[in-house]
Amino acid sequence: MAIEDIQWYLGHNDEATTLTYILNNQGKQKTSRQIVNALSEMNGNDVLMGTQNS
């Protein structure tokens, strides 16, 4: 996935902000969960399951 797409999904204006989410020391699983949670909060959908939250 292109950095620009991730940046758009997360609502970041600055690519450097997006990179702080991608390039960190928290571990892949924790980072993935944070991104999924952020996307879910933005659009009201369960990103992993593809279903809308009630």
C-alpha atoms as a PDB file:
ATOM      1  CA  MET A   1       0.000   0.000   0.000  1.00  0.00           C
ATOM      2  CA  ALA A   2       1.319   3.430  -0.880  1.00  0.00           C
ATOM      3  CA  ILE A   3       2.261   5.819   1.930  1.00  0.00           C
ATOM      4  CA  GLU A   4      -0.119   8.380   0.443  1.00  0.00           C
ATOM      5  CA  ASP A   5      -3.042   5.965   0.829  1.00  0.00           C
ATOM      6  CA  ILE A   6      -2.197   5.283   4.468  1.00  0.00           C
ATOM      7  CA  GLN A   7      -1.757   9.010   5.043  1.00  0.00           C
ATOM      8  CA  TRP A   8      -5.212   9.681   3.565  1.00  0.00           C
ATOM      9  CA  TYR A   9      -6.916   6.910   5.565  1.00  0.00           C
ATOM     10  CA  LEU A  10      -5.395   8.194   8.810  1.00  0.00           C
ATOM     11  CA  GLY A  11      -6.288  11.795   7.991  1.00  0.00           C
ATOM     12  CA  HIS A  12      -2.737  13.093   8.182  1.00  0.00           C
ATOM     13  CA  ASN A  13      -1.716  16.239   6.322  1.00  0.00           C
ATOM     14  CA  ASP A  14       1.968  15.545   6.757  1.00  0.00           C
ATOM     15  CA  GLU A  15       3.690  12.383   5.531  1.00  0.00           C
ATOM     16  CA  ALA A  16       6.087  12.588   8.485  1.00  0.00           C
ATOM     17  CA  THR A  17       3.171  12.042  10.868  1.00  0.00           C
ATOM     18  CA  THR A  18       2.144   8.906   9.010  1.00  0.00           C
ATOM     19  CA  LEU A  19       5.708   7.616   9.074  1.00  0.00           C
ATOM     20  CA  THR A  20       5.748   7.855  12.879  1.00  0.00           C
ATOM     21  CA  TYR A  21       2.913   5.307  12.908  1.00  0.00           C
ATOM     22  CA  ILE A  22       4.689   3.016  10.470  1.00  0.00           C
ATOM     23  CA  LEU A  23       8.288   3.321  11.674  1.00  0.00           C
ATOM     24  CA  ASN A  24       8.181   2.812  15.405  1.00  0.00           C
ATOM     25  CA  ASN A  25       9.527   0.475  18.064  1.00  0.00           C
ATOM     26  CA  GLN A  26       6.206  -0.857  19.353  1.00  0.00           C
ATOM     27  CA  GLY A  27       6.173  -4.013  17.310  1.00  0.00           C
ATOM     28  CA  LYS A  28       4.258  -4.950  14.219  1.00  0.00           C
ATOM     29  CA  GLN A  29       1.182  -6.404  15.917  1.00  0.00           C
ATOM     30  CA  LYS A  30       0.632  -3.427  18.248  1.00  0.00           C
ATOM     31  CA  THR A  31       1.154  -0.958  15.399  1.00  0.00           C
ATOM     32  CA  SER A  32      -1.275  -2.856  13.160  1.00  0.00           C
ATOM     33  CA  ARG A  33      -3.897  -2.853  15.920  1.00  0.00           C
ATOM     34  CA  GLN A  34      -3.481   0.914  16.432  1.00  0.00           C
ATOM     35  CA  ILE A  35      -3.940   1.591  12.726  1.00  0.00           C
ATOM     36  CA  VAL A  36      -6.996  -0.674  12.518  1.00  0.00           C
ATOM     37  CA  ASN A  37      -8.491   1.024  15.582  1.00  0.00           C
ATOM     38  CA  ALA A  38      -7.873   4.487  14.129  1.00  0.00           C
ATOM     39  CA  LEU A  39      -9.487   3.530  10.830  1.00  0.00           C
ATOM     40  CA  SER A  40     -12.446   1.920  12.594  1.00  0.00           C
ATOM     41  CA  GLU A  41     -13.053   5.029  14.669  1.00  0.00           C
ATOM     42  CA  MET A  42     -12.930   7.197  11.555  1.00  0.00           C
ATOM     43  CA  ASN A  43     -15.500   5.329   9.497  1.00  0.00           C
ATOM     44  CA  GLY A  44     -17.547   3.350  12.011  1.00  0.00           C
ATOM     45  CA  ASN A  45     -16.602   0.062  10.381  1.00  0.00           C
ATOM     46  CA  ASP A  46     -14.804  -2.968  11.627  1.00  0.00           C
ATOM     47  CA  VAL A  47     -11.885  -2.803   9.195  1.00  0.00           C
ATOM     48  CA  LEU A  48     -10.774  -6.370   9.755  1.00  0.00           C
ATOM     49  CA  MET A  49     -14.213  -7.925   9.383  1.00  0.00           C
ATOM     50  CA  GLY A  50     -15.621  -5.495   6.818  1.00  0.00           C
ATOM     51  CA  THR A  51     -18.844  -4.985   8.755  1.00  0.00           C
ATOM     52  CA  GLN A  52     -20.432  -1.879  10.147  1.00  0.00           C
ATOM     53  CA  ASN A  53     -20.518  -1.478  13.913  1.00  0.00           C
ATOM     54  CA  SER A  54     -23.965  -1.218  15.511  1.00  0.00           C
END
